C-alpha atoms as a PDB file:
ATOM      1  CA  UNK A   1      -4.137  63.663  16.928  1.00  0.00           C
ATOM      2  CA  UNK A   2      -2.962  61.201  19.275  1.00  0.00           C
ATOM      3  CA  UNK A   3      -5.756  58.241  18.351  1.00  0.00           C
ATOM      4  CA  UNK A   4      -4.322  58.062  14.857  1.00  0.00           C
ATOM      5  CA  UNK A   5      -0.280  57.003  15.561  1.00  0.00           C
ATOM      6  CA  UNK A   6       1.055  53.845  14.571  1.00  0.00           C
ATOM      7  CA  UNK A   7       3.115  52.599  16.690  1.00  0.00           C
ATOM      8  CA  UNK A   8       6.208  49.969  14.065  1.00  0.00           C
ATOM      9  CA  UNK A   9       8.505  49.494  17.132  1.00  0.00           C
ATOM     10  CA  UNK A  10       7.122  47.758  19.377  1.00  0.00           C
ATOM     11  CA  UNK A  11       9.308  44.997  20.892  1.00  0.00           C
ATOM     12  CA  UNK A  12       8.072  41.601  21.290  1.00  0.00           C
ATOM     13  CA  UNK A  13       8.836  40.427  25.119  1.00  0.00           C
ATOM     14  CA  UNK A  14       9.286  36.995  25.232  1.00  0.00           C
ATOM     15  CA  UNK A  15       8.949  35.142  28.536  1.00  0.00           C
ATOM     16  CA  UNK A  16      10.563  32.556  29.881  1.00  0.00           C
ATOM     17  CA  UNK A  17       6.938  29.854  30.052  1.00  0.00           C
ATOM     18  CA  UNK A  18       7.216  31.372  26.314  1.00  0.00           C
ATOM     19  CA  UNK A  19      10.731  30.120  25.182  1.00  0.00           C
ATOM     20  CA  UNK A  20      10.020  26.749  27.186  1.00  0.00           C
ATOM     21  CA  UNK A  21       7.276  26.014  25.127  1.00  0.00           C
ATOM     22  CA  UNK A  22       8.913  27.188  22.561  1.00  0.00           C
ATOM     23  CA  UNK A  23      11.992  24.936  23.121  1.00  0.00           C
ATOM     24  CA  UNK A  24      10.167  22.217  23.720  1.00  0.00           C
ATOM     25  CA  UNK A  25       7.836  22.904  20.775  1.00  0.00           C
ATOM     26  CA  UNK A  26      11.309  22.308  18.056  1.00  0.00           C
ATOM     27  CA  UNK A  27      11.946  19.017  20.258  1.00  0.00           C
ATOM     28  CA  UNK A  28       8.845  17.110  20.447  1.00  0.00           C
ATOM     29  CA  UNK A  29       8.070  18.505  16.697  1.00  0.00           C
ATOM     30  CA  UNK A  30      11.206  18.392  14.754  1.00  0.00           C
ATOM     31  CA  UNK A  31      12.800  14.132  15.372  1.00  0.00           C
ATOM     32  CA  UNK A  32       9.030  14.260  13.862  1.00  0.00           C
ATOM     33  CA  UNK A  33       9.000  15.651  11.508  1.00  0.00           C
ATOM     34  CA  UNK A  34      12.380  14.248  10.354  1.00  0.00           C
ATOM     35  CA  UNK A  35      10.768  10.665  10.886  1.00  0.00           C
ATOM     36  CA  UNK A  36       8.334  11.443   7.779  1.00  0.00           C
ATOM     37  CA  UNK A  37      10.740  12.599   5.542  1.00  0.00           C
ATOM     38  CA  UNK A  38      12.618  10.488   6.241  1.00  0.00           C
ATOM     39  CA  UNK A  39       9.689   7.379   5.730  1.00  0.00           C
ATOM     40  CA  UNK A  40       8.641   9.354   2.842  1.00  0.00           C
ATOM     41  CA  UNK A  41      12.019   9.348   1.005  1.00  0.00           C
ATOM     42  CA  UNK A  42      11.932   5.273   1.589  1.00  0.00           C
ATOM     43  CA  UNK A  43       8.814   4.515   0.265  1.00  0.00           C
ATOM     44  CA  UNK A  44       9.428   6.859  -2.959  1.00  0.00           C
ATOM     45  CA  UNK A  45      12.254   4.461  -3.352  1.00  0.00           C
ATOM     46  CA  UNK A  46      10.980   1.373  -2.857  1.00  0.00           C
ATOM     47  CA  UNK A  47       8.187   1.862  -5.227  1.00  0.00           C
ATOM     48  CA  UNK A  48      10.288   3.951  -8.127  1.00  0.00           C
ATOM     49  CA  UNK A  49      12.563   0.120  -7.305  1.00  0.00           C
ATOM     50  CA  UNK A  50       8.730  -1.582  -7.585  1.00  0.00           C
ATOM     51  CA  UNK A  51       7.920   0.256 -10.691  1.00  0.00           C
ATOM     52  CA  UNK A  52      11.536  -0.659 -11.859  1.00  0.00           C
ATOM     53  CA  UNK A  53      11.140  -4.268 -11.930  1.00  0.00           C
ATOM     54  CA  UNK A  54       7.325  -4.396 -13.044  1.00  0.00           C
ATOM     55  CA  UNK A  55       8.436  -2.492 -16.228  1.00  0.00           C
ATOM     56  CA  UNK A  56      11.390  -4.674 -16.567  1.00  0.00           C
ATOM     57  CA  UNK A  57       9.142  -7.987 -16.247  1.00  0.00           C
ATOM     58  CA  UNK A  58       6.511  -6.290 -18.831  1.00  0.00           C
ATOM     59  CA  UNK A  59       8.823  -5.754 -21.711  1.00  0.00           C
ATOM     60  CA  UNK A  60      10.758  -9.283 -20.310  1.00  0.00           C
ATOM     61  CA  UNK A  61       7.536 -11.307 -21.493  1.00  0.00           C
ATOM     62  CA  UNK A  62       6.325  -8.399 -23.960  1.00  0.00           C
ATOM     63  CA  UNK A  63       9.415 -10.552 -25.978  1.00  0.00           C
ATOM     64  CA  UNK A  64       8.262 -13.605 -26.223  1.00  0.00           C
ATOM     65  CA  UNK A  65       5.838 -14.865 -29.679  1.00  0.00           C
ATOM     66  CA  UNK A  66       2.601 -14.580 -30.192  1.00  0.00           C
ATOM     67  CA  UNK A  67       0.236 -16.627 -32.372  1.00  0.00           C
ATOM     68  CA  UNK A  68      -2.326 -15.202 -34.655  1.00  0.00           C
ATOM     69  CA  UNK A  69      -5.311 -15.802 -31.613  1.00  0.00           C
ATOM     70  CA  UNK A  70      -3.178 -13.484 -28.895  1.00  0.00           C
ATOM     71  CA  UNK A  71      -1.292 -16.658 -26.911  1.00  0.00           C
ATOM     72  CA  UNK A  72       2.274 -16.619 -25.374  1.00  0.00           C
ATOM     73  CA  UNK A  73       4.259 -19.444 -26.086  1.00  0.00           C
ATOM     74  CA  UNK A  74       1.557 -22.133 -26.524  1.00  0.00           C
ATOM     75  CA  UNK A  75       2.468 -25.028 -28.576  1.00  0.00           C
ATOM     76  CA  UNK A  76      -1.253 -26.571 -30.976  1.00  0.00           C
ATOM     77  CA  UNK A  77      -2.063 -29.375 -31.854  1.00  0.00           C
ATOM     78  CA  UNK A  78      -2.840 -30.799 -34.371  1.00  0.00           C
ATOM     79  CA  UNK A  79      -4.766 -33.457 -34.746  1.00  0.00           C
ATOM     80  CA  UNK A  80      -5.972 -35.560 -37.835  1.00  0.00           C
ATOM     81  CA  UNK A  81      -9.361 -33.906 -38.982  1.00  0.00           C
ATOM     82  CA  UNK A  82      -7.579 -31.027 -38.272  1.00  0.00           C
ATOM     83  CA  UNK A  83      -5.024 -31.606 -41.545  1.00  0.00           C
ATOM     84  CA  UNK A  84      -7.520 -33.024 -43.717  1.00  0.00           C
END
């Protein structure tokens, strides 16, 4: 019967070596993760600004007049043979 008993209250012992590794890992990894987070946010903001500039530019250029053949702001000089 003693072999089938399950022990739930096991104490986790932290050795000084384990604590040192945990602190070293936090000191090393947290700045790297923070740097990645900041770089990601900067990239999102930069792409959002570039998208807005492109979107507004496309809307402004879409306001120009087009002729029947799809050309924008093109003046076609008519020759004498075209007028007849």
